[in-house]
PDB file of all heavy atoms in Angstrom:
ATOM      1  N   ALA A   1     311.095 103.035  64.449  1.00  0.00           N
ATOM      2  CA  ALA A   1     311.789 103.800  65.489  1.00  0.00           C
ATOM      3  C   ALA A   1     312.520 104.994  64.886  1.00  0.00           C
ATOM      4  O   ALA A   1     312.558 106.081  65.481  1.00  0.00           O
ATOM      5  CB  ALA A   1     312.775 102.895  66.234  1.00  0.00           C
ATOM      6  N   ILE A   2     313.085 104.822  63.715  1.00  0.00           N
ATOM      7  CA  ILE A   2     313.801 105.912  63.052  1.00  0.00           C
ATOM      8  C   ILE A   2     312.826 107.020  62.665  1.00  0.00           C
ATOM      9  O   ILE A   2     313.073 108.201  62.917  1.00  0.00           O
ATOM     10  CB  ILE A   2     314.569 105.391  61.814  1.00  0.00           C
ATOM     11  CG1 ILE A   2     315.692 104.443  62.245  1.00  0.00           C
ATOM     12  CG2 ILE A   2     315.122 106.550  60.994  1.00  0.00           C
ATOM     13  CD1 ILE A   2     316.306 103.648  61.101  1.00  0.00           C
ATOM     14  N   VAL A   3     311.706 106.651  62.060  1.00  0.00           N
ATOM     15  CA  VAL A   3     310.714 107.647  61.654  1.00  0.00           C
ATOM     16  C   VAL A   3     310.145 108.348  62.882  1.00  0.00           C
ATOM     17  O   VAL A   3     309.992 109.574  62.902  1.00  0.00           O
ATOM     18  CB  VAL A   3     309.594 107.010  60.797  1.00  0.00           C
ATOM     19  CG1 VAL A   3     308.484 108.007  60.524  1.00  0.00           C
ATOM     20  CG2 VAL A   3     310.167 106.479  59.492  1.00  0.00           C
ATOM     21  N   GLU A   4     309.843 107.588  63.929  1.00  0.00           N
ATOM     22  CA  GLU A   4     309.343 108.179  65.180  1.00  0.00           C
ATOM     23  C   GLU A   4     310.351 109.171  65.752  1.00  0.00           C
ATOM     24  O   GLU A   4     309.979 110.242  66.219  1.00  0.00           O
ATOM     25  CB  GLU A   4     309.059 107.094  66.223  1.00  0.00           C
ATOM     26  CG  GLU A   4     307.770 106.368  66.021  1.00  0.00           C
ATOM     27  CD  GLU A   4     306.546 107.194  66.377  1.00  0.00           C
ATOM     28  OE1 GLU A   4     306.652 108.171  67.148  1.00  0.00           O
ATOM     29  OE2 GLU A   4     305.472 106.855  65.868  1.00  0.00           O
ATOM     30  N   ALA A   5     311.616 108.819  65.725  1.00  0.00           N
ATOM     31  CA  ALA A   5     312.658 109.713  66.234  1.00  0.00           C
ATOM     32  C   ALA A   5     312.694 111.004  65.441  1.00  0.00           C
ATOM     33  O   ALA A   5     312.796 112.099  66.014  1.00  0.00           O
ATOM     34  CB  ALA A   5     314.020 109.015  66.197  1.00  0.00           C
ATOM     35  N   GLU A   6     312.594 110.908  64.139  1.00  0.00           N
ATOM     36  CA  GLU A   6     312.569 112.099  63.274  1.00  0.00           C
ATOM     37  C   GLU A   6     311.380 112.990  63.639  1.00  0.00           C
ATOM     38  O   GLU A   6     311.527 114.190  63.833  1.00  0.00           O
ATOM     39  CB  GLU A   6     312.484 111.675  61.799  1.00  0.00           C
ATOM     40  CG  GLU A   6     312.303 112.804  60.835  1.00  0.00           C
ATOM     41  CD  GLU A   6     313.598 113.452  60.385  1.00  0.00           C
ATOM     42  OE1 GLU A   6     314.685 112.938  60.722  1.00  0.00           O
ATOM     43  OE2 GLU A   6     313.521 114.469  59.698  1.00  0.00           O
ATOM     44  N   VAL A   7     310.200 112.389  63.763  1.00  0.00           N
ATOM     45  CA  VAL A   7     308.983 113.144  64.089  1.00  0.00           C
ATOM     46  C   VAL A   7     309.091 113.774  65.482  1.00  0.00           C
ATOM     47  O   VAL A   7     308.732 114.937  65.676  1.00  0.00           O
ATOM     48  CB  VAL A   7     307.740 112.234  63.975  1.00  0.00           C
ATOM     49  CG1 VAL A   7     306.505 112.910  64.553  1.00  0.00           C
ATOM     50  CG2 VAL A   7     307.497 111.840  62.525  1.00  0.00           C
ATOM     51  N   GLU A   8     309.593 113.022  66.446  1.00  0.00           N
ATOM     52  CA  GLU A   8     309.731 113.550  67.805  1.00  0.00           C
ATOM     53  C   GLU A   8     310.673 114.752  67.849  1.00  0.00           C
ATOM     54  O   GLU A   8     310.395 115.735  68.543  1.00  0.00           O
ATOM     55  CB  GLU A   8     310.235 112.461  68.749  1.00  0.00           C
ATOM     56  CG  GLU A   8     309.209 111.393  69.054  1.00  0.00           C
ATOM     57  CD  GLU A   8     309.793 110.207  69.789  1.00  0.00           C
ATOM     58  OE1 GLU A   8     311.006 110.226  70.131  1.00  0.00           O
ATOM     59  OE2 GLU A   8     309.042 109.241  70.026  1.00  0.00           O
ATOM     60  N   LEU A   9     311.772 114.672  67.120  1.00  0.00           N
ATOM     61  CA  LEU A   9     312.710 115.792  67.097  1.00  0.00           C
ATOM     62  C   LEU A   9     312.089 117.020  66.441  1.00  0.00           C
ATOM     63  O   LEU A   9     312.270 118.141  66.906  1.00  0.00           O
ATOM     64  CB  LEU A   9     314.003 115.385  66.378  1.00  0.00           C
ATOM     65  CG  LEU A   9     314.894 114.432  67.172  1.00  0.00           C
ATOM     66  CD1 LEU A   9     315.943 113.798  66.267  1.00  0.00           C
ATOM     67  CD2 LEU A   9     315.549 115.160  68.322  1.00  0.00           C
ATOM     68  N   ILE A  10     311.340 116.806  65.385  1.00  0.00           N
ATOM     69  CA  ILE A  10     310.664 117.919  64.723  1.00  0.00           C
ATOM     70  C   ILE A  10     309.616 118.520  65.660  1.00  0.00           C
ATOM     71  O   ILE A  10     309.529 119.736  65.817  1.00  0.00           O
ATOM     72  CB  ILE A  10     310.038 117.470  63.389  1.00  0.00           C
ATOM     73  CG1 ILE A  10     311.145 117.141  62.391  1.00  0.00           C
ATOM     74  CG2 ILE A  10     309.098 118.540  62.836  1.00  0.00           C
ATOM     75  CD1 ILE A  10     310.671 116.442  61.135  1.00  0.00           C
ATOM     76  N   ASP A  11     308.833 117.663  66.314  1.00  0.00           N
ATOM     77  CA  ASP A  11     307.815 118.134  67.257  1.00  0.00           C
ATOM     78  C   ASP A  11     308.437 118.891  68.427  1.00  0.00           C
ATOM     79  O   ASP A  11     307.811 119.791  68.985  1.00  0.00           O
ATOM     80  CB  ASP A  11     306.987 116.970  67.801  1.00  0.00           C
ATOM     81  CG  ASP A  11     305.990 116.432  66.792  1.00  0.00           C
ATOM     82  OD1 ASP A  11     305.763 117.101  65.758  1.00  0.00           O
ATOM     83  OD2 ASP A  11     305.435 115.339  67.032  1.00  0.00           O
ATOM     84  N   ALA A  12     309.666 118.541  68.779  1.00  0.00           N
ATOM     85  CA  ALA A  12     310.360 119.202  69.888  1.00  0.00           C
ATOM     86  C   ALA A  12     310.943 120.551  69.487  1.00  0.00           C
ATOM     87  O   ALA A  12     311.552 121.234  70.306  1.00  0.00           O
ATOM     88  CB  ALA A  12     311.450 118.292  70.438  1.00  0.00           C
ATOM     89  N   GLY A  13     310.783 120.928  68.217  1.00  0.00           N
ATOM     90  CA  GLY A  13     311.238 122.244  67.786  1.00  0.00           C
ATOM     91  C   GLY A  13     312.467 122.255  66.900  1.00  0.00           C
ATOM     92  O   GLY A  13     312.995 123.311  66.580  1.00  0.00           O
ATOM     93  N   ASN A  14     312.942 121.092  66.487  1.00  0.00           N
ATOM     94  CA  ASN A  14     314.096 121.010  65.599  1.00  0.00           C
ATOM     95  C   ASN A  14     313.593 120.691  64.185  1.00  0.00           C
ATOM     96  O   ASN A  14     313.368 119.532  63.858  1.00  0.00           O
ATOM     97  CB  ASN A  14     315.056 119.924  66.085  1.00  0.00           C
ATOM     98  CG  ASN A  14     316.322 119.866  65.274  1.00  0.00           C
ATOM     99  OD1 ASN A  14     316.441 120.499  64.242  1.00  0.00           O
ATOM    100  ND2 ASN A  14     317.276 119.082  65.738  1.00  0.00           N
ATOM    101  N   PRO A  15     313.398 121.703  63.337  1.00  0.00           N
ATOM    102  CA  PRO A  15     312.795 121.450  62.030  1.00  0.00           C
ATOM    103  C   PRO A  15     313.648 120.617  61.075  1.00  0.00           C
ATOM    104  O   PRO A  15     313.122 120.024  60.142  1.00  0.00           O
ATOM    105  CB  PRO A  15     312.558 122.853  61.463  1.00  0.00           C
ATOM    106  CG  PRO A  15     313.528 123.725  62.172  1.00  0.00           C
ATOM    107  CD  PRO A  15     313.727 123.112  63.541  1.00  0.00           C
ATOM    108  N   ARG A  16     314.949 120.573  61.300  1.00  0.00           N
ATOM    109  CA  ARG A  16     315.847 119.794  60.441  1.00  0.00           C
ATOM    110  C   ARG A  16     316.855 119.027  61.283  1.00  0.00           C
ATOM    111  O   ARG A  16     318.041 119.376  61.326  1.00  0.00           O
ATOM    112  CB  ARG A  16     316.577 120.708  59.479  1.00  0.00           C
ATOM    113  CG  ARG A  16     315.675 121.281  58.438  1.00  0.00           C
ATOM    114  CD  ARG A  16     316.469 122.046  57.445  1.00  0.00           C
ATOM    115  NE  ARG A  16     315.611 122.349  56.320  1.00  0.00           N
ATOM    116  CZ  ARG A  16     316.009 122.966  55.262  1.00  0.00           C
ATOM    117  NH1 ARG A  16     317.256 123.343  55.159  1.00  0.00           N
ATOM    118  NH2 ARG A  16     315.175 123.210  54.287  1.00  0.00           N
ATOM    119  N   PRO A  17     316.407 117.973  61.958  1.00  0.00           N
ATOM    120  CA  PRO A  17     317.355 117.221  62.782  1.00  0.00           C
ATOM    121  C   PRO A  17     318.419 116.548  61.913  1.00  0.00           C
ATOM    122  O   PRO A  17     318.142 116.132  60.789  1.00  0.00           O
ATOM    123  CB  PRO A  17     316.492 116.193  63.494  1.00  0.00           C
ATOM    124  CG  PRO A  17     315.220 116.132  62.736  1.00  0.00           C
ATOM    125  CD  PRO A  17     315.072 117.421  61.997  1.00  0.00           C
ATOM    126  N   SER A  18     319.625 116.481  62.443  1.00  0.00           N
ATOM    127  CA  SER A  18     320.706 115.816  61.713  1.00  0.00           C
ATOM    128  C   SER A  18     320.516 114.305  61.789  1.00  0.00           C
ATOM    129  O   SER A  18     319.795 113.789  62.642  1.00  0.00           O
ATOM    130  CB  SER A  18     322.061 116.194  62.315  1.00  0.00           C
ATOM    131  OG  SER A  18     322.199 115.619  63.604  1.00  0.00           O
ATOM    132  N   VAL A  19     321.183 113.618  60.895  1.00  0.00           N
ATOM    133  CA  VAL A  19     321.122 112.156  60.889  1.00  0.00           C
ATOM    134  C   VAL A  19     321.650 111.618  62.216  1.00  0.00           C
ATOM    135  O   VAL A  19     321.094 110.671  62.774  1.00  0.00           O
ATOM    136  CB  VAL A  19     321.924 111.584  59.699  1.00  0.00           C
ATOM    137  CG1 VAL A  19     321.959 110.069  59.739  1.00  0.00           C
ATOM    138  CG2 VAL A  19     321.331 112.060  58.390  1.00  0.00           C
ATOM    139  N   ARG A  20     322.684 112.234  62.734  1.00  0.00           N
ATOM    140  CA  ARG A  20     323.244 111.803  64.020  1.00  0.00           C
ATOM    141  C   ARG A  20     322.232 111.964  65.147  1.00  0.00           C
ATOM    142  O   ARG A  20     322.081 111.089  65.991  1.00  0.00           O
ATOM    143  CB  ARG A  20     324.527 112.579  64.334  1.00  0.00           C
ATOM    144  CG  ARG A  20     325.206 112.112  65.602  1.00  0.00           C
ATOM    145  CD  ARG A  20     326.569 112.744  65.818  1.00  0.00           C
ATOM    146  NE  ARG A  20     327.473 112.628  64.694  1.00  0.00           N
ATOM    147  CZ  ARG A  20     328.136 111.523  64.332  1.00  0.00           C
ATOM    148  NH1 ARG A  20     327.972 110.421  65.023  1.00  0.00           N
ATOM    149  NH2 ARG A  20     328.939 111.519  63.302  1.00  0.00           N
ATOM    150  N   GLN A  21     321.503 113.084  65.161  1.00  0.00           N
ATOM    151  CA  GLN A  21     320.492 113.303  66.199  1.00  0.00           C
ATOM    152  C   GLN A  21     319.372 112.263  66.106  1.00  0.00           C
ATOM    153  O   GLN A  21     318.927 111.741  67.128  1.00  0.00           O
ATOM    154  CB  GLN A  21     319.898 114.712  66.066  1.00  0.00           C
ATOM    155  CG  GLN A  21     320.853 115.814  66.446  1.00  0.00           C
ATOM    156  CD  GLN A  21     320.310 117.188  66.065  1.00  0.00           C
ATOM    157  OE1 GLN A  21     319.701 117.360  65.010  1.00  0.00           O
ATOM    158  NE2 GLN A  21     320.553 118.154  66.937  1.00  0.00           N
ATOM    159  N   VAL A  22     318.950 111.969  64.895  1.00  0.00           N
ATOM    160  CA  VAL A  22     317.898 110.965  64.708  1.00  0.00           C
ATOM    161  C   VAL A  22     318.393 109.596  65.173  1.00  0.00           C
ATOM    162  O   VAL A  22     317.685 108.875  65.879  1.00  0.00           O
ATOM    163  CB  VAL A  22     317.438 110.911  63.230  1.00  0.00           C
ATOM    164  CG1 VAL A  22     316.461 109.765  63.002  1.00  0.00           C
ATOM    165  CG2 VAL A  22     316.820 112.238  62.816  1.00  0.00           C
ATOM    166  N   ALA A  23     319.613 109.256  64.792  1.00  0.00           N
ATOM    167  CA  ALA A  23     320.175 107.963  65.185  1.00  0.00           C
ATOM    168  C   ALA A  23     320.283 107.856  66.701  1.00  0.00           C
ATOM    169  O   ALA A  23     319.918 106.823  67.286  1.00  0.00           O
ATOM    170  CB  ALA A  23     321.543 107.767  64.537  1.00  0.00           C
ATOM    171  N   GLU A  24     320.762 108.907  67.352  1.00  0.00           N
ATOM    172  CA  GLU A  24     320.871 108.887  68.811  1.00  0.00           C
ATOM    173  C   GLU A  24     319.503 108.729  69.454  1.00  0.00           C
ATOM    174  O   GLU A  24     319.340 107.958  70.390  1.00  0.00           O
ATOM    175  CB  GLU A  24     321.542 110.171  69.307  1.00  0.00           C
ATOM    176  CG  GLU A  24     323.022 110.221  69.032  1.00  0.00           C
ATOM    177  CD  GLU A  24     323.652 111.561  69.384  1.00  0.00           C
ATOM    178  OE1 GLU A  24     322.957 112.444  69.935  1.00  0.00           O
ATOM    179  OE2 GLU A  24     324.854 111.718  69.087  1.00  0.00           O
ATOM    180  N   ARG A  25     318.519 109.441  68.943  1.00  0.00           N
ATOM    181  CA  ARG A  25     317.164 109.379  69.502  1.00  0.00           C
ATOM    182  C   ARG A  25     316.567 107.987  69.324  1.00  0.00           C
ATOM    183  O   ARG A  25     315.867 107.486  70.192  1.00  0.00           O
ATOM    184  CB  ARG A  25     316.294 110.437  68.825  1.00  0.00           C
ATOM    185  CG  ARG A  25     314.883 110.524  69.309  1.00  0.00           C
ATOM    186  CD  ARG A  25     314.860 111.238  70.655  1.00  0.00           C
ATOM    187  NE  ARG A  25     313.536 111.626  71.017  1.00  0.00           N
ATOM    188  CZ  ARG A  25     313.183 112.842  71.355  1.00  0.00           C
ATOM    189  NH1 ARG A  25     314.066 113.804  71.401  1.00  0.00           N
ATOM    190  NH2 ARG A  25     311.961 113.096  71.707  1.00  0.00           N
ATOM    191  N   ALA A  26     316.852 107.352  68.181  1.00  0.00           N
ATOM    192  CA  ALA A  26     316.313 106.022  67.900  1.00  0.00           C
ATOM    193  C   ALA A  26     317.126 104.905  68.550  1.00  0.00           C
ATOM    194  O   ALA A  26     316.686 103.759  68.581  1.00  0.00           O
ATOM    195  CB  ALA A  26     316.247 105.797  66.390  1.00  0.00           C
TER     196      ALA A  26
END
């Protein structure tokens, strides 16, 4: 779920999502 969240944020146009953004997404 964490890796998926990272990939989804990058795919959405955020090339460097913060740890907080990844955690919230996951």
